Amino acid sequence: MKKLLFSASIVLLATGAFAQNTMTGSDARFGIKAGVNLARFHASGTDGSTTYNDNAKDNVGFNVTAFADFGVGNNFFIQPGVSLQSKGNKFESTGTTTVGNNSITTTSSIKTNLMAIEVPVNAVFRIPTGTAGAVQISAGPYIGFNISGKDKGQTTTTTVNNSNNTSATVTTSNDRDLSFGSATDKNYGSTDFGANFGLAYRTNSGFLVGANYGLGLSNLIPKDSRGNSDAKLTNRVLGFSVGYSF
């Protein structure tokens, strides 16, 4: 993640055209940005968490955010916003067993698409780069509300008869809509708390490009399903966006 943000910062510095040299405590502006998310779940607290994380893959989604910048000092401002975030996870696993003369290989994949409304509040520090532009470094908390989602599952079983070298393959699909809440019959918790860390570049004409890392802190496992287990599932989202503020 550090390498990605470092690389992004080099790109951002190279894209500036013309930028304001300062932003004072009396300044305010509004904007919108949108882009692509690379999201996955992170498991912890159980013996199987390492295996889960090794098999978890990025789920490609999107982000759309309306925001406001309120200056509180020279080159320092607070940035609240409202955001639609497509998150989720892709999980893949493969296992092989032998039954008599048959070798059975089972490959399973499940794609979780999760849609959330987030309310971030970031503190942003602005670093002018002469007349070329300004780098914006941000960090702050967010609260998210899971509003919809769907699991798309697929299992492929291949049976090979080692005696006559014949094989048969069966593929099944299993899709379901997700529900949110604290009860045991829910799939995930309804709220998500976390922290954002961002790096962006804004030109004087108002265009901006940036990268953001969302670190989920709250447990997505429904409260009533946790029992005495210390199992925890959290969001991890790396987002890239372009936008405009005025």
C-alpha atoms as a PDB file:
ATOM      1  CA  MET A   1       0.000   0.000   0.000  1.00  0.00           C
ATOM      2  CA  LYS A   2       2.844   2.412   0.868  1.00  0.00           C
ATOM      3  CA  LYS A   3       4.463   1.741  -2.512  1.00  0.00           C
ATOM      4  CA  LEU A   4       1.155   2.410  -4.291  1.00  0.00           C
ATOM      5  CA  LEU A   5       0.621   5.728  -2.524  1.00  0.00           C
ATOM      6  CA  PHE A   6       4.238   6.736  -3.118  1.00  0.00           C
ATOM      7  CA  SER A   7       3.916   5.970  -6.827  1.00  0.00           C
ATOM      8  CA  ALA A   8       0.616   7.849  -6.928  1.00  0.00           C
ATOM      9  CA  SER A   9       2.236  10.905  -5.373  1.00  0.00           C
ATOM     10  CA  ILE A  10       4.861  11.017  -8.140  1.00  0.00           C
ATOM     11  CA  VAL A  11       2.135  10.863 -10.784  1.00  0.00           C
ATOM     12  CA  LEU A  12       0.095  13.535  -9.035  1.00  0.00           C
ATOM     13  CA  LEU A  13       3.031  15.920  -8.836  1.00  0.00           C
ATOM     14  CA  ALA A  14       3.589  15.519 -12.572  1.00  0.00           C
ATOM     15  CA  THR A  15      -0.020  16.283 -13.546  1.00  0.00           C
ATOM     16  CA  GLY A  16      -0.448  19.781 -12.059  1.00  0.00           C
ATOM     17  CA  ALA A  17      -0.926  22.739 -14.345  1.00  0.00           C
ATOM     18  CA  PHE A  18      -1.798  25.916 -12.407  1.00  0.00           C
ATOM     19  CA  ALA A  19      -2.765  26.138  -8.723  1.00  0.00           C
ATOM     20  CA  GLN A  20      -3.524  28.628  -6.002  1.00  0.00           C
ATOM     21  CA  ASN A  21      -0.484  29.306  -3.834  1.00  0.00           C
ATOM     22  CA  THR A  22      -2.435  29.581  -0.586  1.00  0.00           C
ATOM     23  CA  MET A  23      -5.759  28.692   0.966  1.00  0.00           C
ATOM     24  CA  THR A  24      -6.761  30.829   3.932  1.00  0.00           C
ATOM     25  CA  GLY A  25      -9.130  30.307   6.821  1.00  0.00           C
ATOM     26  CA  SER A  26     -11.854  32.298   5.033  1.00  0.00           C
ATOM     27  CA  ASP A  27     -11.922  30.114   1.914  1.00  0.00           C
ATOM     28  CA  ALA A  28     -14.620  27.539   1.119  1.00  0.00           C
ATOM     29  CA  ARG A  29     -15.343  25.448  -1.946  1.00  0.00           C
ATOM     30  CA  PHE A  30     -17.431  22.482  -3.058  1.00  0.00           C
ATOM     31  CA  GLY A  31     -16.745  19.622  -5.394  1.00  0.00           C
ATOM     32  CA  ILE A  32     -17.425  16.120  -6.642  1.00  0.00           C
ATOM     33  CA  LYS A  33     -15.134  13.228  -7.497  1.00  0.00           C
ATOM     34  CA  ALA A  34     -15.515   9.676  -8.761  1.00  0.00           C
ATOM     35  CA  GLY A  35     -13.320   6.711  -9.510  1.00  0.00           C
ATOM     36  CA  VAL A  36     -12.437   3.064  -9.028  1.00  0.00           C
ATOM     37  CA  ASN A  37     -12.199   0.995  -5.832  1.00  0.00           C
ATOM     38  CA  LEU A  38     -10.091  -2.096  -5.177  1.00  0.00           C
ATOM     39  CA  ALA A  39     -11.771  -3.627  -2.127  1.00  0.00           C
ATOM     40  CA  ARG A  40     -11.409  -6.752  -0.041  1.00  0.00           C
ATOM     41  CA  PHE A  41     -12.258  -8.106   3.417  1.00  0.00           C
ATOM     42  CA  HIS A  42      -9.567  -8.692   6.022  1.00  0.00           C
ATOM     43  CA  ALA A  43      -9.994 -11.506   8.571  1.00  0.00           C
ATOM     44  CA  SER A  44      -8.334 -11.606  11.985  1.00  0.00           C
ATOM     45  CA  GLY A  45      -8.657 -13.281  15.372  1.00  0.00           C
ATOM     46  CA  THR A  46      -8.983 -16.901  14.222  1.00  0.00           C
ATOM     47  CA  ASP A  47      -6.631 -19.716  13.269  1.00  0.00           C
ATOM     48  CA  GLY A  48      -8.018 -19.659   9.737  1.00  0.00           C
ATOM     49  CA  SER A  49      -7.577 -15.944   9.173  1.00  0.00           C
ATOM     50  CA  THR A  50      -4.225 -16.343   7.403  1.00  0.00           C
ATOM     51  CA  THR A  51      -5.686 -18.843   4.944  1.00  0.00           C
ATOM     52  CA  TYR A  52      -8.704 -16.597   4.369  1.00  0.00           C
ATOM     53  CA  ASN A  53      -6.564 -13.531   3.695  1.00  0.00           C
ATOM     54  CA  ASP A  54      -4.287 -15.476   1.341  1.00  0.00           C
ATOM     55  CA  ASN A  55      -7.316 -16.465  -0.763  1.00  0.00           C
ATOM     56  CA  ALA A  56      -9.052 -13.073  -0.661  1.00  0.00           C
ATOM     57  CA  LYS A  57      -8.780 -11.043  -3.861  1.00  0.00           C
ATOM     58  CA  ASP A  58      -9.596  -7.458  -4.802  1.00  0.00           C
ATOM     59  CA  ASN A  59     -13.172  -6.771  -5.847  1.00  0.00           C
ATOM     60  CA  VAL A  60     -13.343  -3.950  -8.405  1.00  0.00           C
ATOM     61  CA  GLY A  61     -15.976  -1.336  -7.593  1.00  0.00           C
ATOM     62  CA  PHE A  62     -16.529   2.407  -7.809  1.00  0.00           C
ATOM     63  CA  ASN A  63     -16.761   5.523  -5.658  1.00  0.00           C
ATOM     64  CA  VAL A  64     -18.699   8.794  -6.027  1.00  0.00           C
ATOM     65  CA  THR A  65     -18.240  11.578  -3.462  1.00  0.00           C
ATOM     66  CA  ALA A  66     -19.661  15.069  -2.986  1.00  0.00           C
ATOM     67  CA  PHE A  67     -17.514  17.145  -0.634  1.00  0.00           C
ATOM     68  CA  ALA A  68     -16.855  20.607   0.761  1.00  0.00           C
ATOM     69  CA  ASP A  69     -13.591  22.283   1.775  1.00  0.00           C
ATOM     70  CA  PHE A  70     -13.734  24.731   4.698  1.00  0.00           C
ATOM     71  CA  GLY A  71     -10.514  26.613   5.356  1.00  0.00           C
ATOM     72  CA  VAL A  72      -9.485  26.875   9.007  1.00  0.00           C
ATOM     73  CA  GLY A  73      -5.995  28.257   8.444  1.00  0.00           C
ATOM     74  CA  ASN A  74      -3.428  28.904   5.747  1.00  0.00           C
ATOM     75  CA  ASN A  75      -3.246  25.746   3.622  1.00  0.00           C
ATOM     76  CA  PHE A  76      -5.241  23.739   6.162  1.00  0.00           C
ATOM     77  CA  PHE A  77      -8.916  22.857   5.839  1.00  0.00           C
ATOM     78  CA  ILE A  78     -11.627  20.432   6.950  1.00  0.00           C
ATOM     79  CA  GLN A  79     -13.303  18.329   4.260  1.00  0.00           C
ATOM     80  CA  PRO A  80     -16.658  16.677   5.095  1.00  0.00           C
ATOM     81  CA  GLY A  81     -18.475  14.704   2.437  1.00  0.00           C
ATOM     82  CA  VAL A  82     -21.121  12.180   1.450  1.00  0.00           C
ATOM     83  CA  SER A  83     -19.961   9.196  -0.545  1.00  0.00           C
ATOM     84  CA  LEU A  84     -21.388   6.181  -2.366  1.00  0.00           C
ATOM     85  CA  GLN A  85     -18.868   3.363  -2.064  1.00  0.00           C
ATOM     86  CA  SER A  86     -18.885   0.003  -3.828  1.00  0.00           C
ATOM     87  CA  LYS A  87     -16.933  -2.416  -1.640  1.00  0.00           C
ATOM     88  CA  GLY A  88     -16.806  -6.172  -1.128  1.00  0.00           C
ATOM     89  CA  ASN A  89     -14.491  -9.088  -1.688  1.00  0.00           C
ATOM     90  CA  LYS A  90     -13.557 -11.942  -3.998  1.00  0.00           C
ATOM     91  CA  PHE A  91     -12.688 -15.277  -2.418  1.00  0.00           C
ATOM     92  CA  GLU A  92     -11.215 -18.242  -4.274  1.00  0.00           C
ATOM     93  CA  SER A  93     -10.168 -21.672  -3.014  1.00  0.00           C
ATOM     94  CA  THR A  94      -9.163 -25.003  -4.566  1.00  0.00           C
ATOM     95  CA  GLY A  95      -8.979 -28.398  -2.911  1.00  0.00           C
ATOM     96  CA  THR A  96      -8.289 -31.960  -4.090  1.00  0.00           C
ATOM     97  CA  THR A  97      -9.293 -35.233  -2.448  1.00  0.00           C
ATOM     98  CA  THR A  98      -8.897 -38.881  -3.469  1.00  0.00           C
ATOM     99  CA  VAL A  99     -11.754 -41.347  -3.132  1.00  0.00           C
ATOM    100  CA  GLY A 100     -10.849 -44.824  -4.338  1.00  0.00           C
ATOM    101  CA  ASN A 101      -9.592 -44.477  -7.917  1.00  0.00           C
ATOM    102  CA  ASN A 102     -11.073 -40.999  -8.286  1.00  0.00           C
ATOM    103  CA  SER A 103      -9.331 -37.664  -7.780  1.00  0.00           C
ATOM    104  CA  ILE A 104     -11.853 -34.925  -7.030  1.00  0.00           C
ATOM    105  CA  THR A 105     -10.841 -31.280  -7.457  1.00  0.00           C
ATOM    106  CA  THR A 106     -13.224 -28.601  -6.198  1.00  0.00           C
ATOM    107  CA  THR A 107     -12.741 -24.943  -7.119  1.00  0.00           C
ATOM    108  CA  SER A 108     -14.980 -22.429  -5.359  1.00  0.00           C
ATOM    109  CA  SER A 109     -15.304 -18.702  -5.889  1.00  0.00           C
ATOM    110  CA  ILE A 110     -17.588 -16.143  -4.338  1.00  0.00           C
ATOM    111  CA  LYS A 111     -17.829 -12.472  -5.240  1.00  0.00           C
ATOM    112  CA  THR A 112     -19.366 -10.145  -2.669  1.00  0.00           C
ATOM    113  CA  ASN A 113     -20.636  -6.793  -3.931  1.00  0.00           C
ATOM    114  CA  LEU A 114     -21.454  -4.463  -1.056  1.00  0.00           C
ATOM    115  CA  MET A 115     -22.854  -0.944  -1.463  1.00  0.00           C
ATOM    116  CA  ALA A 116     -22.440   1.607   1.321  1.00  0.00           C
ATOM    117  CA  ILE A 117     -23.139   5.269   1.985  1.00  0.00           C
ATOM    118  CA  GLU A 118     -20.232   6.879   3.814  1.00  0.00           C
ATOM    119  CA  VAL A 119     -19.858  10.174   5.631  1.00  0.00           C
ATOM    120  CA  PRO A 120     -16.141  11.045   5.877  1.00  0.00           C
ATOM    121  CA  VAL A 121     -14.674  14.048   7.702  1.00  0.00           C
ATOM    122  CA  ASN A 122     -11.052  14.599   6.737  1.00  0.00           C
ATOM    123  CA  ALA A 123      -8.440  17.067   7.851  1.00  0.00           C
ATOM    124  CA  VAL A 124      -6.468  18.211   4.800  1.00  0.00           C
ATOM    125  CA  PHE A 125      -3.030  19.814   4.694  1.00  0.00           C
ATOM    126  CA  ARG A 126      -2.126  21.610   1.469  1.00  0.00           C
ATOM    127  CA  ILE A 127       1.452  21.814   0.197  1.00  0.00           C
ATOM    128  CA  PRO A 128       1.842  24.378  -2.633  1.00  0.00           C
ATOM    129  CA  THR A 129       4.366  23.478  -5.339  1.00  0.00           C
ATOM    130  CA  GLY A 130       5.127  26.962  -6.576  1.00  0.00           C
ATOM    131  CA  THR A 131       2.868  28.008  -9.427  1.00  0.00           C
ATOM    132  CA  ALA A 132       2.476  24.435 -10.645  1.00  0.00           C
ATOM    133  CA  GLY A 133      -0.133  23.217  -8.161  1.00  0.00           C
ATOM    134  CA  ALA A 134      -0.597  21.874  -4.656  1.00  0.00           C
ATOM    135  CA  VAL A 135      -0.403  18.448  -3.057  1.00  0.00           C
ATOM    136  CA  GLN A 136      -3.180  17.636  -0.568  1.00  0.00           C
ATOM    137  CA  ILE A 137      -2.546  15.155   2.250  1.00  0.00           C
ATOM    138  CA  SER A 138      -5.638  14.066   4.170  1.00  0.00           C
ATOM    139  CA  ALA A 139      -6.700  11.837   7.042  1.00  0.00           C
ATOM    140  CA  GLY A 140      -9.814  11.424   9.120  1.00  0.00           C
ATOM    141  CA  PRO A 141     -12.647   9.154  10.281  1.00  0.00           C
ATOM    142  CA  TYR A 142     -15.673   7.929   8.408  1.00  0.00           C
ATOM    143  CA  ILE A 143     -18.941   6.225   9.257  1.00  0.00           C
ATOM    144  CA  GLY A 144     -20.556   3.958   6.690  1.00  0.00           C
ATOM    145  CA  PHE A 145     -24.029   2.473   6.300  1.00  0.00           C
ATOM    146  CA  ASN A 146     -24.385  -0.752   4.313  1.00  0.00           C
ATOM    147  CA  ILE A 147     -27.505  -0.431   2.152  1.00  0.00           C
ATOM    148  CA  SER A 148     -27.417  -3.295  -0.364  1.00  0.00           C
ATOM    149  CA  GLY A 149     -25.336  -6.198  -1.563  1.00  0.00           C
ATOM    150  CA  LYS A 150     -25.179  -9.527  -3.334  1.00  0.00           C
ATOM    151  CA  ASP A 151     -23.085 -12.690  -3.252  1.00  0.00           C
ATOM    152  CA  LYS A 152     -22.331 -14.421  -6.552  1.00  0.00           C
ATOM    153  CA  GLY A 153     -20.988 -17.916  -5.939  1.00  0.00           C
ATOM    154  CA  GLN A 154     -19.747 -20.625  -8.280  1.00  0.00           C
ATOM    155  CA  THR A 155     -18.403 -24.113  -7.575  1.00  0.00           C
ATOM    156  CA  THR A 156     -16.710 -26.345 -10.158  1.00  0.00           C
ATOM    157  CA  THR A 157     -16.086 -30.011  -9.328  1.00  0.00           C
ATOM    158  CA  THR A 158     -13.883 -32.113 -11.596  1.00  0.00           C
ATOM    159  CA  THR A 159     -13.720 -35.881 -11.014  1.00  0.00           C
ATOM    160  CA  VAL A 160     -10.889 -37.803 -12.679  1.00  0.00           C
ATOM    161  CA  ASN A 161     -10.978 -41.597 -12.827  1.00  0.00           C
ATOM    162  CA  ASN A 162      -7.343 -42.610 -12.515  1.00  0.00           C
ATOM    163  CA  SER A 163      -8.055 -46.117 -13.813  1.00  0.00           C
ATOM    164  CA  ASN A 164      -9.275 -45.165 -17.266  1.00  0.00           C
ATOM    165  CA  ASN A 165      -8.207 -41.486 -17.393  1.00  0.00           C
ATOM    166  CA  THR A 166     -11.739 -40.176 -17.895  1.00  0.00           C
ATOM    167  CA  SER A 167     -13.083 -37.033 -16.257  1.00  0.00           C
ATOM    168  CA  ALA A 168     -16.355 -35.260 -15.583  1.00  0.00           C
ATOM    169  CA  THR A 169     -16.939 -31.633 -14.605  1.00  0.00           C
ATOM    170  CA  VAL A 170     -19.970 -30.151 -12.868  1.00  0.00           C
ATOM    171  CA  THR A 171     -20.462 -26.414 -12.289  1.00  0.00           C
ATOM    172  CA  THR A 172     -23.095 -24.945  -9.984  1.00  0.00           C
ATOM    173  CA  SER A 173     -23.980 -21.325  -9.201  1.00  0.00           C
ATOM    174  CA  ASN A 174     -25.457 -19.861  -6.051  1.00  0.00           C
ATOM    175  CA  ASP A 175     -26.428 -16.183  -5.881  1.00  0.00           C
ATOM    176  CA  ARG A 176     -28.095 -14.444  -2.943  1.00  0.00           C
ATOM    177  CA  ASP A 177     -29.067 -10.969  -1.830  1.00  0.00           C
ATOM    178  CA  LEU A 178     -27.365  -9.765   1.341  1.00  0.00           C
ATOM    179  CA  SER A 179     -29.072  -8.457   4.478  1.00  0.00           C
ATOM    180  CA  PHE A 180     -27.586  -6.246   7.197  1.00  0.00           C
ATOM    181  CA  GLY A 181     -28.055  -5.962  10.946  1.00  0.00           C
ATOM    182  CA  SER A 182     -27.028  -7.502  14.270  1.00  0.00           C
ATOM    183  CA  ALA A 183     -29.253 -10.626  14.272  1.00  0.00           C
ATOM    184  CA  THR A 184     -27.968 -14.111  13.483  1.00  0.00           C
ATOM    185  CA  ASP A 185     -29.978 -14.296  10.256  1.00  0.00           C
ATOM    186  CA  LYS A 186     -28.134 -11.276   8.810  1.00  0.00           C
ATOM    187  CA  ASN A 187     -25.073 -11.553   6.592  1.00  0.00           C
ATOM    188  CA  TYR A 188     -23.135  -8.487   7.708  1.00  0.00           C
ATOM    189  CA  GLY A 189     -23.370  -5.642  10.191  1.00  0.00           C
ATOM    190  CA  SER A 190     -25.238  -2.547   9.066  1.00  0.00           C
ATOM    191  CA  THR A 191     -22.645   0.076  10.035  1.00  0.00           C
ATOM    192  CA  ASP A 192     -18.930   0.471   9.457  1.00  0.00           C
ATOM    193  CA  PHE A 193     -16.501   2.802  11.190  1.00  0.00           C
ATOM    194  CA  GLY A 194     -12.994   3.431   9.949  1.00  0.00           C
ATOM    195  CA  ALA A 195     -10.272   5.857   8.918  1.00  0.00           C
ATOM    196  CA  ASN A 196      -9.320   7.416   5.579  1.00  0.00           C
ATOM    197  CA  PHE A 197      -5.828   8.313   4.384  1.00  0.00           C
ATOM    198  CA  GLY A 198      -5.503  10.243   1.139  1.00  0.00           C
ATOM    199  CA  LEU A 199      -3.121  11.918  -1.256  1.00  0.00           C
ATOM    200  CA  ALA A 200      -4.293  14.221  -4.052  1.00  0.00           C
ATOM    201  CA  TYR A 201      -3.273  16.990  -6.397  1.00  0.00           C
ATOM    202  CA  ARG A 202      -5.484  19.970  -7.282  1.00  0.00           C
ATOM    203  CA  THR A 203      -4.918  22.416 -10.136  1.00  0.00           C
ATOM    204  CA  ASN A 204      -5.822  26.102 -10.070  1.00  0.00           C
ATOM    205  CA  SER A 205      -8.664  25.449 -12.502  1.00  0.00           C
ATOM    206  CA  GLY A 206     -10.244  23.081  -9.960  1.00  0.00           C
ATOM    207  CA  PHE A 207      -9.424  19.654 -11.367  1.00  0.00           C
ATOM    208  CA  LEU A 208      -8.040  17.090  -8.963  1.00  0.00           C
ATOM    209  CA  VAL A 209      -6.723  13.534  -9.032  1.00  0.00           C
ATOM    210  CA  GLY A 210      -6.000  11.403  -6.009  1.00  0.00           C
ATOM    211  CA  ALA A 211      -5.719   8.118  -4.166  1.00  0.00           C
ATOM    212  CA  ASN A 212      -7.398   7.105  -0.903  1.00  0.00           C
ATOM    213  CA  TYR A 213      -7.030   4.173   1.475  1.00  0.00           C
ATOM    214  CA  GLY A 214      -9.997   3.233   3.660  1.00  0.00           C
ATOM    215  CA  LEU A 215      -9.127   1.205   6.755  1.00  0.00           C
ATOM    216  CA  GLY A 216     -12.231  -0.388   8.262  1.00  0.00           C
ATOM    217  CA  LEU A 217     -12.136  -0.757  12.045  1.00  0.00           C
ATOM    218  CA  SER A 218     -15.560  -2.162  12.972  1.00  0.00           C
ATOM    219  CA  ASN A 219     -16.448  -5.852  12.786  1.00  0.00           C
ATOM    220  CA  LEU A 220     -18.638  -6.741   9.800  1.00  0.00           C
ATOM    221  CA  ILE A 221     -19.741 -10.019  11.439  1.00  0.00           C
ATOM    222  CA  PRO A 222     -23.262  -9.485  12.893  1.00  0.00           C
ATOM    223  CA  LYS A 223     -23.085  -8.941  16.650  1.00  0.00           C
ATOM    224  CA  ASP A 224     -25.377 -11.847  17.599  1.00  0.00           C
ATOM    225  CA  SER A 225     -23.321 -14.254  15.474  1.00  0.00           C
ATOM    226  CA  ARG A 226     -20.005 -13.578  17.195  1.00  0.00           C
ATOM    227  CA  GLY A 227     -20.648 -15.401  20.485  1.00  0.00           C
ATOM    228  CA  ASN A 228     -17.379 -15.791  22.390  1.00  0.00           C
ATOM    229  CA  SER A 229     -15.315 -15.859  19.220  1.00  0.00           C
ATOM    230  CA  ASP A 230     -12.682 -13.214  18.577  1.00  0.00           C
ATOM    231  CA  ALA A 231     -13.188 -13.539  14.816  1.00  0.00           C
ATOM    232  CA  LYS A 232     -13.250 -10.194  13.030  1.00  0.00           C
ATOM    233  CA  LEU A 233     -13.926  -9.154   9.452  1.00  0.00           C
ATOM    234  CA  THR A 234     -13.119  -5.611   8.316  1.00  0.00           C
ATOM    235  CA  ASN A 235     -13.058  -3.577   5.106  1.00  0.00           C
ATOM    236  CA  ARG A 236      -9.932  -2.617   3.201  1.00  0.00           C
ATOM    237  CA  VAL A 237     -10.438  -0.256   0.239  1.00  0.00           C
ATOM    238  CA  LEU A 238      -7.882   1.362  -2.051  1.00  0.00           C
ATOM    239  CA  GLY A 239      -9.555   3.977  -4.233  1.00  0.00           C
ATOM    240  CA  PHE A 240      -8.467   6.206  -7.108  1.00  0.00           C
ATOM    241  CA  SER A 241     -10.522   9.188  -8.247  1.00  0.00           C
ATOM    242  CA  VAL A 242     -10.670  12.296 -10.388  1.00  0.00           C
ATOM    243  CA  GLY A 243     -12.868  15.281  -9.728  1.00  0.00           C
ATOM    244  CA  TYR A 244     -13.547  18.986  -9.796  1.00  0.00           C
ATOM    245  CA  SER A 245     -14.014  21.611  -7.067  1.00  0.00           C
ATOM    246  CA  PHE A 246     -15.020  25.260  -7.347  1.00  0.00           C
END
